[in-house]
PDB file of N, CA and C in Angstrom:
ATOM      1  N   MET A   1       0.855  -1.187   0.000  1.00  0.00           N
ATOM      2  CA  MET A   1       0.000   0.000   0.000  1.00  0.00           C
ATOM      3  C   MET A   1       0.896   1.243   0.000  1.00  0.00           C
ATOM      4  N   PRO A   2       0.628   2.186  -0.902  1.00  0.00           N
ATOM      5  CA  PRO A   2       1.471   3.382  -0.957  1.00  0.00           C
ATOM      6  C   PRO A   2       1.305   4.250   0.289  1.00  0.00           C
ATOM      7  N   ARG A   3       2.367   4.944   0.606  1.00  0.00           N
ATOM      8  CA  ARG A   3       2.311   5.888   1.722  1.00  0.00           C
ATOM      9  C   ARG A   3       1.542   7.127   1.276  1.00  0.00           C
ATOM     10  N   LYS A   4       0.925   7.789   2.254  1.00  0.00           N
ATOM     11  CA  LYS A   4       0.087   8.939   1.941  1.00  0.00           C
ATOM     12  C   LYS A   4       0.607  10.172   2.682  1.00  0.00           C
ATOM     13  N   ALA A   5       0.670  11.298   1.966  1.00  0.00           N
ATOM     14  CA  ALA A   5       1.161  12.545   2.551  1.00  0.00           C
ATOM     15  C   ALA A   5       0.172  13.675   2.302  1.00  0.00           C
ATOM     16  N   LEU A   6       0.176  14.626   3.222  1.00  0.00           N
ATOM     17  CA  LEU A   6      -0.590  15.863   3.075  1.00  0.00           C
ATOM     18  C   LEU A   6       0.400  17.013   3.021  1.00  0.00           C
ATOM     19  N   ILE A   7       0.250  17.865   2.021  1.00  0.00           N
ATOM     20  CA  ILE A   7       1.048  19.088   1.916  1.00  0.00           C
ATOM     21  C   ILE A   7       0.101  20.263   2.040  1.00  0.00           C
ATOM     22  N   ALA A   8       0.328  21.098   3.062  1.00  0.00           N
ATOM     23  CA  ALA A   8      -0.480  22.304   3.284  1.00  0.00           C
ATOM     24  C   ALA A   8       0.428  23.516   3.126  1.00  0.00           C
ATOM     25  N   ASP A   9       0.218  24.274   2.061  1.00  0.00           N
ATOM     26  CA  ASP A   9       1.030  25.462   1.799  1.00  0.00           C
ATOM     27  C   ASP A   9       0.235  26.378   0.885  1.00  0.00           C
ATOM     28  N   ASP A  10       0.209  27.669   1.219  1.00  0.00           N
ATOM     29  CA  ASP A  10      -0.545  28.605   0.396  1.00  0.00           C
ATOM     30  C   ASP A  10       0.227  29.059  -0.840  1.00  0.00           C
ATOM     31  N   GLU A  11       1.487  28.654  -0.971  1.00  0.00           N
ATOM     32  CA  GLU A  11       2.281  28.991  -2.146  1.00  0.00           C
ATOM     33  C   GLU A  11       2.251  27.823  -3.135  1.00  0.00           C
ATOM     34  N   PRO A  12       1.569  28.011  -4.270  1.00  0.00           N
ATOM     35  CA  PRO A  12       1.425  26.905  -5.229  1.00  0.00           C
ATOM     36  C   PRO A  12       2.750  26.322  -5.711  1.00  0.00           C
ATOM     37  N   ARG A  13       3.776  27.153  -5.866  1.00  0.00           N
ATOM     38  CA  ARG A  13       5.041  26.621  -6.394  1.00  0.00           C
ATOM     39  C   ARG A  13       5.669  25.624  -5.432  1.00  0.00           C
ATOM     40  N   TYR A  14       5.637  25.903  -4.114  1.00  0.00           N
ATOM     41  CA  TYR A  14       6.161  24.945  -3.139  1.00  0.00           C
ATOM     42  C   TYR A  14       5.263  23.716  -3.063  1.00  0.00           C
ATOM     43  N   ARG A  15       3.969  23.948  -3.008  1.00  0.00           N
ATOM     44  CA  ARG A  15       3.007  22.844  -2.898  1.00  0.00           C
ATOM     45  C   ARG A  15       3.199  21.863  -4.056  1.00  0.00           C
ATOM     46  N   ASP A  16       3.277  22.390  -5.273  1.00  0.00           N
ATOM     47  CA  ASP A  16       3.379  21.532  -6.453  1.00  0.00           C
ATOM     48  C   ASP A  16       4.740  20.844  -6.555  1.00  0.00           C
ATOM     49  N   LEU A  17       5.804  21.552  -6.224  1.00  0.00           N
ATOM     50  CA  LEU A  17       7.139  20.956  -6.267  1.00  0.00           C
ATOM     51  C   LEU A  17       7.262  19.811  -5.263  1.00  0.00           C
ATOM     52  N   LEU A  18       6.831  20.052  -4.032  1.00  0.00           N
ATOM     53  CA  LEU A  18       6.915  19.008  -3.010  1.00  0.00           C
ATOM     54  C   LEU A  18       6.029  17.817  -3.361  1.00  0.00           C
ATOM     55  N   LYS A  19       4.887  18.094  -3.960  1.00  0.00           N
ATOM     56  CA  LYS A  19       3.994  17.002  -4.394  1.00  0.00           C
ATOM     57  C   LYS A  19       4.702  16.122  -5.421  1.00  0.00           C
ATOM     58  N   ARG A  20       5.326  16.740  -6.422  1.00  0.00           N
ATOM     59  CA  ARG A  20       6.020  15.959  -7.451  1.00  0.00           C
ATOM     60  C   ARG A  20       7.135  15.109  -6.846  1.00  0.00           C
ATOM     61  N   ILE A  21       7.888  15.696  -5.926  1.00  0.00           N
ATOM     62  CA  ILE A  21       8.992  14.967  -5.301  1.00  0.00           C
ATOM     63  C   ILE A  21       8.474  13.766  -4.512  1.00  0.00           C
ATOM     64  N   LEU A  22       7.466  13.996  -3.690  1.00  0.00           N
ATOM     65  CA  LEU A  22       6.935  12.895  -2.882  1.00  0.00           C
ATOM     66  C   LEU A  22       6.288  11.821  -3.753  1.00  0.00           C
ATOM     67  N   GLU A  23       5.562  12.216  -4.799  1.00  0.00           N
ATOM     68  CA  GLU A  23       4.942  11.231  -5.692  1.00  0.00           C
ATOM     69  C   GLU A  23       5.999  10.375  -6.380  1.00  0.00           C
ATOM     70  N   LYS A  24       7.090  10.996  -6.819  1.00  0.00           N
ATOM     71  CA  LYS A  24       8.157  10.232  -7.472  1.00  0.00           C
ATOM     72  C   LYS A  24       8.826   9.271  -6.506  1.00  0.00           C
ATOM     73  N   ASN A  25       8.604   9.470  -5.229  1.00  0.00           N
ATOM     74  CA  ASN A  25       9.207   8.602  -4.216  1.00  0.00           C
ATOM     75  C   ASN A  25       8.164   7.755  -3.495  1.00  0.00           C
ATOM     76  N   GLY A  26       7.044   7.503  -4.188  1.00  0.00           N
ATOM     77  CA  GLY A  26       6.102   6.505  -3.713  1.00  0.00           C
ATOM     78  C   GLY A  26       4.934   6.978  -2.878  1.00  0.00           C
ATOM     79  N   TYR A  27       4.769   8.274  -2.711  1.00  0.00           N
ATOM     80  CA  TYR A  27       3.661   8.795  -1.910  1.00  0.00           C
ATOM     81  C   TYR A  27       2.453   9.137  -2.781  1.00  0.00           C
ATOM     82  N   VAL A  28       1.286   8.931  -2.216  1.00  0.00           N
ATOM     83  CA  VAL A  28       0.055   9.507  -2.739  1.00  0.00           C
ATOM     84  C   VAL A  28      -0.124  10.800  -1.951  1.00  0.00           C
ATOM     85  N   VAL A  29      -0.343  11.923  -2.640  1.00  0.00           N
ATOM     86  CA  VAL A  29      -0.293  13.229  -1.986  1.00  0.00           C
ATOM     87  C   VAL A  29      -1.614  13.979  -2.129  1.00  0.00           C
ATOM     88  N   ASP A  30      -2.104  14.481  -0.991  1.00  0.00           N
ATOM     89  CA  ASP A  30      -3.228  15.407  -0.977  1.00  0.00           C
ATOM     90  C   ASP A  30      -2.676  16.811  -0.745  1.00  0.00           C
ATOM     91  N   LEU A  31      -3.334  17.800  -1.342  1.00  0.00           N
ATOM     92  CA  LEU A  31      -2.892  19.189  -1.229  1.00  0.00           C
ATOM     93  C   LEU A  31      -3.927  20.053  -0.539  1.00  0.00           C
ATOM     94  N   ALA A  32      -3.428  21.005   0.245  1.00  0.00           N
ATOM     95  CA  ALA A  32      -4.295  21.999   0.886  1.00  0.00           C
ATOM     96  C   ALA A  32      -3.627  23.361   0.747  1.00  0.00           C
ATOM     97  N   ALA A  33      -4.401  24.364   0.326  1.00  0.00           N
ATOM     98  CA  ALA A  33      -3.874  25.721   0.157  1.00  0.00           C
ATOM     99  C   ALA A  33      -4.056  26.572   1.407  1.00  0.00           C
ATOM    100  N   CYS A  34      -4.705  26.006   2.425  1.00  0.00           N
ATOM    101  CA  CYS A  34      -4.932  26.754   3.664  1.00  0.00           C
ATOM    102  C   CYS A  34      -5.096  25.773   4.826  1.00  0.00           C
ATOM    103  N   GLY A  35      -5.004  26.305   6.027  1.00  0.00           N
ATOM    104  CA  GLY A  35      -5.123  25.473   7.215  1.00  0.00           C
ATOM    105  C   GLY A  35      -6.482  24.824   7.375  1.00  0.00           C
ATOM    106  N   GLU A  36      -7.520  25.518   6.939  1.00  0.00           N
ATOM    107  CA  GLU A  36      -8.873  24.962   7.065  1.00  0.00           C
ATOM    108  C   GLU A  36      -9.026  23.697   6.228  1.00  0.00           C
ATOM    109  N   THR A  37      -8.556  23.749   4.990  1.00  0.00           N
ATOM    110  CA  THR A  37      -8.621  22.571   4.125  1.00  0.00           C
ATOM    111  C   THR A  37      -7.760  21.447   4.690  1.00  0.00           C
ATOM    112  N   ALA A  38      -6.594  21.806   5.216  1.00  0.00           N
ATOM    113  CA  ALA A  38      -5.707  20.802   5.811  1.00  0.00           C
ATOM    114  C   ALA A  38      -6.385  20.091   6.972  1.00  0.00           C
ATOM    115  N   THR A  39      -7.066  20.838   7.838  1.00  0.00           N
ATOM    116  CA  THR A  39      -7.713  20.196   8.989  1.00  0.00           C
ATOM    117  C   THR A  39      -8.844  19.275   8.539  1.00  0.00           C
ATOM    118  N   THR A  40      -9.594  19.682   7.529  1.00  0.00           N
ATOM    119  CA  THR A  40     -10.656  18.818   7.000  1.00  0.00           C
ATOM    120  C   THR A  40     -10.063  17.515   6.467  1.00  0.00           C
ATOM    121  N   LEU A  41      -8.982  17.626   5.684  1.00  0.00           N
ATOM    122  CA  LEU A  41      -8.340  16.434   5.137  1.00  0.00           C
ATOM    123  C   LEU A  41      -7.768  15.553   6.247  1.00  0.00           C
ATOM    124  N   LEU A  42      -7.193  16.159   7.265  1.00  0.00           N
ATOM    125  CA  LEU A  42      -6.634  15.395   8.382  1.00  0.00           C
ATOM    126  C   LEU A  42      -7.709  14.609   9.136  1.00  0.00           C
ATOM    127  N   LEU A  43      -8.883  15.182   9.256  1.00  0.00           N
ATOM    128  CA  LEU A  43      -9.969  14.505   9.964  1.00  0.00           C
ATOM    129  C   LEU A  43     -10.583  13.382   9.136  1.00  0.00           C
ATOM    130  N   ASP A  44     -10.466  13.489   7.800  1.00  0.00           N
ATOM    131  CA  ASP A  44     -11.098  12.511   6.911  1.00  0.00           C
ATOM    132  C   ASP A  44     -10.159  11.427   6.394  1.00  0.00           C
ATOM    133  N   ASN A  45      -8.846  11.562   6.624  1.00  0.00           N
ATOM    134  CA  ASN A  45      -7.866  10.645   6.052  1.00  0.00           C
ATOM    135  C   ASN A  45      -6.796  10.283   7.078  1.00  0.00           C
ATOM    136  N   ARG A  46      -6.074   9.233   6.774  1.00  0.00           N
ATOM    137  CA  ARG A  46      -4.916   8.863   7.595  1.00  0.00           C
ATOM    138  C   ARG A  46      -3.659   9.101   6.761  1.00  0.00           C
ATOM    139  N   TYR A  47      -2.704   9.837   7.325  1.00  0.00           N
ATOM    140  CA  TYR A  47      -1.483  10.193   6.605  1.00  0.00           C
ATOM    141  C   TYR A  47      -0.256   9.594   7.271  1.00  0.00           C
ATOM    142  N   ASP A  48       0.749   9.323   6.421  1.00  0.00           N
ATOM    143  CA  ASP A  48       2.039   8.841   6.900  1.00  0.00           C
ATOM    144  C   ASP A  48       3.019   9.994   7.090  1.00  0.00           C
ATOM    145  N   LEU A  49       2.693  11.167   6.515  1.00  0.00           N
ATOM    146  CA  LEU A  49       3.545  12.344   6.598  1.00  0.00           C
ATOM    147  C   LEU A  49       2.688  13.582   6.359  1.00  0.00           C
ATOM    148  N   VAL A  50       2.944  14.630   7.153  1.00  0.00           N
ATOM    149  CA  VAL A  50       2.286  15.923   6.944  1.00  0.00           C
ATOM    150  C   VAL A  50       3.375  16.972   6.782  1.00  0.00           C
ATOM    151  N   VAL A  51       3.286  17.724   5.681  1.00  0.00           N
ATOM    152  CA  VAL A  51       4.184  18.855   5.435  1.00  0.00           C
ATOM    153  C   VAL A  51       3.309  20.094   5.454  1.00  0.00           C
ATOM    154  N   THR A  52       3.612  21.031   6.354  1.00  0.00           N
ATOM    155  CA  THR A  52       2.779  22.222   6.458  1.00  0.00           C
ATOM    156  C   THR A  52       3.613  23.489   6.511  1.00  0.00           C
ATOM    157  N   ASP A  53       3.117  24.501   5.824  1.00  0.00           N
ATOM    158  CA  ASP A  53       3.690  25.835   5.918  1.00  0.00           C
ATOM    159  C   ASP A  53       3.267  26.403   7.264  1.00  0.00           C
ATOM    160  N   LEU A  54       4.010  27.355   7.764  1.00  0.00           N
ATOM    161  CA  LEU A  54       3.652  28.001   9.028  1.00  0.00           C
ATOM    162  C   LEU A  54       2.659  29.127   8.806  1.00  0.00           C
ATOM    163  N   ASP A  55       2.983  30.041   7.896  1.00  0.00           N
ATOM    164  CA  ASP A  55       2.192  31.251   7.709  1.00  0.00           C
ATOM    165  C   ASP A  55       1.224  31.080   6.538  1.00  0.00           C
ATOM    166  N   MET A  56      -0.012  30.700   6.866  1.00  0.00           N
ATOM    167  CA  MET A  56      -1.066  30.543   5.863  1.00  0.00           C
ATOM    168  C   MET A  56      -2.250  31.385   6.296  1.00  0.00           C
ATOM    169  N   PRO A  57      -3.093  31.784   5.346  1.00  0.00           N
ATOM    170  CA  PRO A  57      -4.286  32.531   5.740  1.00  0.00           C
ATOM    171  C   PRO A  57      -5.224  31.669   6.590  1.00  0.00           C
ATOM    172  N   GLY A  58      -5.918  32.299   7.517  1.00  0.00           N
ATOM    173  CA  GLY A  58      -6.832  31.551   8.393  1.00  0.00           C
ATOM    174  C   GLY A  58      -6.035  30.753   9.397  1.00  0.00           C
ATOM    175  N   LEU A  59      -6.338  29.458   9.508  1.00  0.00           N
ATOM    176  CA  LEU A  59      -5.582  28.591  10.409  1.00  0.00           C
ATOM    177  C   LEU A  59      -4.147  28.469   9.899  1.00  0.00           C
ATOM    178  N   ASN A  60      -3.184  28.616  10.810  1.00  0.00           N
ATOM    179  CA  ASN A  60      -1.789  28.546  10.378  1.00  0.00           C
ATOM    180  C   ASN A  60      -1.195  27.162  10.682  1.00  0.00           C
ATOM    181  N   GLY A  61       0.088  27.026  10.413  1.00  0.00           N
ATOM    182  CA  GLY A  61       0.758  25.749  10.626  1.00  0.00           C
ATOM    183  C   GLY A  61       0.726  25.271  12.066  1.00  0.00           C
ATOM    184  N   PHE A  62       0.796  26.198  13.028  1.00  0.00           N
ATOM    185  CA  PHE A  62       0.696  25.805  14.434  1.00  0.00           C
ATOM    186  C   PHE A  62      -0.655  25.147  14.713  1.00  0.00           C
ATOM    187  N   ASP A  63      -1.721  25.717  14.144  1.00  0.00           N
ATOM    188  CA  ASP A  63      -3.064  25.149  14.318  1.00  0.00           C
ATOM    189  C   ASP A  63      -3.145  23.744  13.716  1.00  0.00           C
ATOM    190  N   VAL A  64      -2.556  23.578  12.536  1.00  0.00           N
ATOM    191  CA  VAL A  64      -2.557  22.268  11.883  1.00  0.00           C
ATOM    192  C   VAL A  64      -1.820  21.250  12.755  1.00  0.00           C
ATOM    193  N   ILE A  65      -0.666  21.651  13.294  1.00  0.00           N
ATOM    194  CA  ILE A  65       0.124  20.744  14.133  1.00  0.00           C
ATOM    195  C   ILE A  65      -0.627  20.376  15.410  1.00  0.00           C
ATOM    196  N   GLU A  66      -1.311  21.326  15.995  1.00  0.00           N
ATOM    197  CA  GLU A  66      -2.078  21.019  17.214  1.00  0.00           C
ATOM    198  C   GLU A  66      -3.148  19.967  16.934  1.00  0.00           C
ATOM    199  N   LEU A  67      -3.773  20.029  15.759  1.00  0.00           N
ATOM    200  CA  LEU A  67      -4.745  19.002  15.398  1.00  0.00           C
ATOM    201  C   LEU A  67      -4.042  17.663  15.177  1.00  0.00           C
ATOM    202  N   VAL A  68      -2.929  17.665  14.455  1.00  0.00           N
ATOM    203  CA  VAL A  68      -2.184  16.423  14.194  1.00  0.00           C
ATOM    204  C   VAL A  68      -1.849  15.720  15.498  1.00  0.00           C
ATOM    205  N   LYS A  69      -1.439  16.481  16.501  1.00  0.00           N
ATOM    206  CA  LYS A  69      -1.054  15.886  17.791  1.00  0.00           C
ATOM    207  C   LYS A  69      -2.214  15.173  18.474  1.00  0.00           C
ATOM    208  N   ARG A  70      -3.449  15.535  18.117  1.00  0.00           N
ATOM    209  CA  ARG A  70      -4.621  14.922  18.746  1.00  0.00           C
ATOM    210  C   ARG A  70      -5.159  13.722  17.971  1.00  0.00           C
ATOM    211  N   LEU A  71      -4.589  13.442  16.819  1.00  0.00           N
ATOM    212  CA  LEU A  71      -5.054  12.315  16.009  1.00  0.00           C
ATOM    213  C   LEU A  71      -4.643  10.995  16.658  1.00  0.00           C
ATOM    214  N   PRO A  72      -5.455   9.950  16.493  1.00  0.00           N
ATOM    215  CA  PRO A  72      -5.133   8.657  17.100  1.00  0.00           C
ATOM    216  C   PRO A  72      -3.819   8.073  16.584  1.00  0.00           C
ATOM    217  N   ASN A  73      -3.563   8.184  15.302  1.00  0.00           N
ATOM    218  CA  ASN A  73      -2.303   7.716  14.703  1.00  0.00           C
ATOM    219  C   ASN A  73      -1.557   8.948  14.207  1.00  0.00           C
ATOM    220  N   THR A  74      -0.774   9.542  15.080  1.00  0.00           N
ATOM    221  CA  THR A  74      -0.123  10.812  14.784  1.00  0.00           C
ATOM    222  C   THR A  74       0.971  10.637  13.731  1.00  0.00           C
ATOM    223  N   PRO A  75       0.806  11.287  12.564  1.00  0.00           N
ATOM    224  CA  PRO A  75       1.856  11.203  11.543  1.00  0.00           C
ATOM    225  C   PRO A  75       2.995  12.172  11.865  1.00  0.00           C
ATOM    226  N   PRO A  76       4.198  11.898  11.353  1.00  0.00           N
ATOM    227  CA  PRO A  76       5.277  12.856  11.521  1.00  0.00           C
ATOM    228  C   PRO A  76       4.975  14.135  10.734  1.00  0.00           C
ATOM    229  N   VAL A  77       5.500  15.256  11.235  1.00  0.00           N
ATOM    230  CA  VAL A  77       5.217  16.562  10.627  1.00  0.00           C
ATOM    231  C   VAL A  77       6.511  17.284  10.284  1.00  0.00           C
ATOM    232  N   LEU A  78       6.529  17.859   9.085  1.00  0.00           N
ATOM    233  CA  LEU A  78       7.610  18.738   8.657  1.00  0.00           C
ATOM    234  C   LEU A  78       7.020  20.125   8.449  1.00  0.00           C
ATOM    235  N   MET A  79       7.509  21.093   9.208  1.00  0.00           N
ATOM    236  CA  MET A  79       7.077  22.482   9.080  1.00  0.00           C
ATOM    237  C   MET A  79       8.044  23.189   8.135  1.00  0.00           C
ATOM    238  N   VAL A  80       7.506  23.818   7.081  1.00  0.00           N
ATOM    239  CA  VAL A  80       8.318  24.624   6.181  1.00  0.00           C
ATOM    240  C   VAL A  80       7.846  26.068   6.291  1.00  0.00           C
ATOM    241  N   THR A  81       8.803  26.987   6.357  1.00  0.00           N
ATOM    242  CA  THR A  81       8.421  28.385   6.531  1.00  0.00           C
ATOM    243  C   THR A  81       9.532  29.331   6.126  1.00  0.00           C
ATOM    244  N   ALA A  82       9.142  30.520   5.723  1.00  0.00           N
ATOM    245  CA  ALA A  82      10.092  31.610   5.498  1.00  0.00           C
ATOM    246  C   ALA A  82      10.065  32.553   6.690  1.00  0.00           C
ATOM    247  N   GLN A  83       9.196  32.296   7.653  1.00  0.00           N
ATOM    248  CA  GLN A  83       8.960  33.177   8.801  1.00  0.00           C
ATOM    249  C   GLN A  83       9.760  32.726  10.020  1.00  0.00           C
ATOM    250  N   LYS A  84      11.071  32.945  10.001  1.00  0.00           N
ATOM    251  CA  LYS A  84      11.911  32.509  11.113  1.00  0.00           C
ATOM    252  C   LYS A  84      11.484  33.147  12.434  1.00  0.00           C
ATOM    253  N   THR A  85      11.092  34.411  12.410  1.00  0.00           N
ATOM    254  CA  THR A  85      10.670  35.094  13.635  1.00  0.00           C
ATOM    255  C   THR A  85       9.425  34.426  14.220  1.00  0.00           C
ATOM    256  N   MET A  86       8.447  34.123  13.375  1.00  0.00           N
ATOM    257  CA  MET A  86       7.237  33.446  13.831  1.00  0.00           C
ATOM    258  C   MET A  86       7.568  32.072  14.397  1.00  0.00           C
ATOM    259  N   LEU A  87       8.495  31.394  13.743  1.00  0.00           N
ATOM    260  CA  LEU A  87       8.904  30.067  14.184  1.00  0.00           C
ATOM    261  C   LEU A  87       9.583  30.147  15.544  1.00  0.00           C
ATOM    262  N   ASP A  88      10.476  31.103  15.705  1.00  0.00           N
ATOM    263  CA  ASP A  88      11.164  31.284  16.989  1.00  0.00           C
ATOM    264  C   ASP A  88      10.177  31.541  18.119  1.00  0.00           C
ATOM    265  N   GLU A  89       9.147  32.343  17.843  1.00  0.00           N
ATOM    266  CA  GLU A  89       8.161  32.695  18.872  1.00  0.00           C
ATOM    267  C   GLU A  89       7.273  31.514  19.255  1.00  0.00           C
ATOM    268  N   GLY A  90       7.021  30.615  18.316  1.00  0.00           N
ATOM    269  CA  GLY A  90       6.098  29.517  18.594  1.00  0.00           C
ATOM    270  C   GLY A  90       6.744  28.168  18.751  1.00  0.00           C
ATOM    271  N   TRP A  91       8.062  28.134  18.873  1.00  0.00           N
ATOM    272  CA  TRP A  91       8.795  26.876  18.909  1.00  0.00           C
ATOM    273  C   TRP A  91       8.266  25.884  19.931  1.00  0.00           C
ATOM    274  N   LYS A  92       7.916  26.354  21.117  1.00  0.00           N
ATOM    275  CA  LYS A  92       7.459  25.451  22.183  1.00  0.00           C
ATOM    276  C   LYS A  92       6.152  24.751  21.820  1.00  0.00           C
ATOM    277  N   ARG A  93       5.359  25.335  20.928  1.00  0.00           N
ATOM    278  CA  ARG A  93       4.097  24.721  20.513  1.00  0.00           C
ATOM    279  C   ARG A  93       4.307  23.558  19.558  1.00  0.00           C
ATOM    280  N   LEU A  94       5.494  23.446  18.973  1.00  0.00           N
ATOM    281  CA  LEU A  94       5.713  22.462  17.928  1.00  0.00           C
ATOM    282  C   LEU A  94       5.894  21.045  18.437  1.00  0.00           C
ATOM    283  N   GLY A  95       6.571  20.884  19.541  1.00  0.00           N
ATOM    284  CA  GLY A  95       6.822  19.532  20.027  1.00  0.00           C
ATOM    285  C   GLY A  95       7.789  18.806  19.111  1.00  0.00           C
ATOM    286  N   ASP A  96       7.474  17.568  18.770  1.00  0.00           N
ATOM    287  CA  ASP A  96       8.362  16.722  17.977  1.00  0.00           C
ATOM    288  C   ASP A  96       8.115  16.928  16.484  1.00  0.00           C
ATOM    289  N   VAL A  97       8.524  18.096  15.993  1.00  0.00           N
ATOM    290  CA  VAL A  97       8.304  18.472  14.595  1.00  0.00           C
ATOM    291  C   VAL A  97       9.638  18.920  14.013  1.00  0.00           C
ATOM    292  N   GLN A  98       9.927  18.474  12.803  1.00  0.00           N
ATOM    293  CA  GLN A  98      11.110  18.960  12.091  1.00  0.00           C
ATOM    294  C   GLN A  98      10.743  20.235  11.344  1.00  0.00           C
ATOM    295  N   CYS A  99      11.704  21.155  11.224  1.00  0.00           N
ATOM    296  CA  CYS A  99      11.453  22.425  10.540  1.00  0.00           C
ATOM    297  C   CYS A  99      12.484  22.645   9.443  1.00  0.00           C
ATOM    298  N   LEU A 100      12.037  23.344   8.402  1.00  0.00           N
ATOM    299  CA  LEU A 100      12.889  23.658   7.267  1.00  0.00           C
ATOM    300  C   LEU A 100      12.566  25.078   6.824  1.00  0.00           C
ATOM    301  N   LEU A 101      13.593  25.936   6.764  1.00  0.00           N
ATOM    302  CA  LEU A 101      13.384  27.324   6.366  1.00  0.00           C
ATOM    303  C   LEU A 101      13.419  27.460   4.850  1.00  0.00           C
ATOM    304  N   LYS A 102      12.448  28.206   4.307  1.00  0.00           N
ATOM    305  CA  LYS A 102      12.411  28.510   2.874  1.00  0.00           C
ATOM    306  C   LYS A 102      13.367  29.659   2.597  1.00  0.00           C
ATOM    307  N   PRO A 103      14.031  29.678   1.479  1.00  0.00           N
ATOM    308  CA  PRO A 103      14.090  28.613   0.472  1.00  0.00           C
ATOM    309  C   PRO A 103      15.005  27.488   0.959  1.00  0.00           C
ATOM    310  N   PHE A 104      14.732  26.280   0.500  1.00  0.00           N
ATOM    311  CA  PHE A 104      15.527  25.128   0.910  1.00  0.00           C
ATOM    312  C   PHE A 104      15.874  24.298  -0.320  1.00  0.00           C
ATOM    313  N   SER A 105      16.901  23.485  -0.187  1.00  0.00           N
ATOM    314  CA  SER A 105      17.299  22.611  -1.295  1.00  0.00           C
ATOM    315  C   SER A 105      16.485  21.324  -1.253  1.00  0.00           C
ATOM    316  N   LEU A 106      16.416  20.657  -2.382  1.00  0.00           N
ATOM    317  CA  LEU A 106      15.715  19.373  -2.440  1.00  0.00           C
ATOM    318  C   LEU A 106      16.411  18.344  -1.562  1.00  0.00           C
ATOM    319  N   GLU A 107      17.724  18.449  -1.451  1.00  0.00           N
ATOM    320  CA  GLU A 107      18.473  17.524  -0.592  1.00  0.00           C
ATOM    321  C   GLU A 107      18.106  17.734   0.878  1.00  0.00           C
ATOM    322  N   ASP A 108      17.929  19.001   1.279  1.00  0.00           N
ATOM    323  CA  ASP A 108      17.515  19.279   2.661  1.00  0.00           C
ATOM    324  C   ASP A 108      16.111  18.740   2.926  1.00  0.00           C
ATOM    325  N   PHE A 109      15.212  18.907   1.964  1.00  0.00           N
ATOM    326  CA  PHE A 109      13.858  18.372   2.105  1.00  0.00           C
ATOM    327  C   PHE A 109      13.917  16.856   2.250  1.00  0.00           C
ATOM    328  N   ARG A 110      14.687  16.224   1.392  1.00  0.00           N
ATOM    329  CA  ARG A 110      14.827  14.769   1.443  1.00  0.00           C
ATOM    330  C   ARG A 110      15.362  14.310   2.793  1.00  0.00           C
ATOM    331  N   ALA A 111      16.369  15.014   3.302  1.00  0.00           N
ATOM    332  CA  ALA A 111      16.964  14.637   4.585  1.00  0.00           C
ATOM    333  C   ALA A 111      15.947  14.745   5.715  1.00  0.00           C
ATOM    334  N   LYS A 112      15.141  15.789   5.710  1.00  0.00           N
ATOM    335  CA  LYS A 112      14.132  15.955   6.765  1.00  0.00           C
ATOM    336  C   LYS A 112      13.074  14.857   6.690  1.00  0.00           C
ATOM    337  N   VAL A 113      12.631  14.540   5.470  1.00  0.00           N
ATOM    338  CA  VAL A 113      11.646  13.462   5.314  1.00  0.00           C
ATOM    339  C   VAL A 113      12.241  12.151   5.792  1.00  0.00           C
ATOM    340  N   ASP A 114      13.502  11.915   5.481  1.00  0.00           N
ATOM    341  CA  ASP A 114      14.170  10.690   5.913  1.00  0.00           C
ATOM    342  C   ASP A 114      14.231  10.611   7.432  1.00  0.00           C
ATOM    343  N   ILE A 115      14.557  11.725   8.082  1.00  0.00           N
ATOM    344  CA  ILE A 115      14.595  11.768   9.547  1.00  0.00           C
ATOM    345  C   ILE A 115      13.222  11.421  10.123  1.00  0.00           C
ATOM    346  N   LEU A 116      12.175  11.966   9.520  1.00  0.00           N
ATOM    347  CA  LEU A 116      10.821  11.774  10.045  1.00  0.00           C
ATOM    348  C   LEU A 116      10.260  10.379   9.789  1.00  0.00           C
ATOM    349  N   THR A 117      10.551   9.807   8.638  1.00  0.00           N
ATOM    350  CA  THR A 117       9.880   8.561   8.247  1.00  0.00           C
ATOM    351  C   THR A 117      10.758   7.323   8.339  1.00  0.00           C
ATOM    352  N   ASN A 118      12.050   7.512   8.310  1.00  0.00           N
ATOM    353  CA  ASN A 118      12.984   6.383   8.294  1.00  0.00           C
ATOM    354  C   ASN A 118      12.658   5.377   7.199  1.00  0.00           C
ATOM    355  N   SER A 119      12.028   5.847   6.133  1.00  0.00           N
ATOM    356  CA  SER A 119      11.631   4.906   5.083  1.00  0.00           C
ATOM    357  C   SER A 119      11.756   5.498   3.690  1.00  0.00           C
ATOM    358  N   TRP A 120      12.599   6.492   3.533  1.00  0.00           N
ATOM    359  CA  TRP A 120      12.742   7.136   2.228  1.00  0.00           C
ATOM    360  C   TRP A 120      13.367   6.169   1.235  1.00  0.00           C
ATOM    361  N   GLN A 121      12.799   6.095   0.046  1.00  0.00           N
ATOM    362  CA  GLN A 121      13.333   5.256  -1.015  1.00  0.00           C
ATOM    363  C   GLN A 121      14.485   5.995  -1.692  1.00  0.00           C
ATOM    364  N   PRO A 122      15.273   5.318  -2.522  1.00  0.00           N
ATOM    365  CA  PRO A 122      16.344   6.002  -3.244  1.00  0.00           C
ATOM    366  C   PRO A 122      15.780   7.263  -3.914  1.00  0.00           C
ATOM    367  N   PHE A 123      16.491   8.340  -3.743  1.00  0.00           N
ATOM    368  CA  PHE A 123      16.012   9.670  -4.160  1.00  0.00           C
ATOM    369  C   PHE A 123      15.852   9.739  -5.672  1.00  0.00           C
ATOM    370  N   VAL A 124      14.693  10.184  -6.116  1.00  0.00           N
ATOM    371  CA  VAL A 124      14.417  10.415  -7.529  1.00  0.00           C
ATOM    372  C   VAL A 124      14.290  11.908  -7.714  1.00  0.00           C
ATOM    373  N   LYS A 125      15.183  12.493  -8.497  1.00  0.00           N
ATOM    374  CA  LYS A 125      15.175  13.944  -8.684  1.00  0.00           C
ATOM    375  C   LYS A 125      13.985  14.365  -9.530  1.00  0.00           C
ATOM    376  N   SER A 126      13.463  15.551  -9.190  1.00  0.00           N
ATOM    377  CA  SER A 126      12.373  16.140  -9.964  1.00  0.00           C
ATOM    378  C   SER A 126      12.958  16.742 -11.229  1.00  0.00           C
ATOM    379  N   GLU A 127      12.195  16.665 -12.316  1.00  0.00           N
ATOM    380  CA  GLU A 127      12.692  17.236 -13.583  1.00  0.00           C
ATOM    381  C   GLU A 127      12.151  18.620 -13.798  1.00  0.00           C
TER     382      GLU A 127
END
């Protein structure tokens, strides 16, 4: 059974790039452009990985993570953000979450996913 991931990011270029990378590495990926959509998807599906932006309109990444922590089968979470100040202020709310500052390299993304899942397949580069 393929692994399933949720990507929540209001920036289409990051959302689409990360989706392509994860799909090429065996994931089925759902996308959310805002925290509200992400929470709906989280309540309706079971994920093996959640990638969320911090600064999104409406519910932000902290809100998404708080919901993830309450799920019966808590998936690992990777927080991606360009908002280092916001991240510094809310660090204690994150708990066991990996973070990656935008812009980031594909190798850094791969390394974080590997840390979280311990099951990354041989890396397939995006074209």
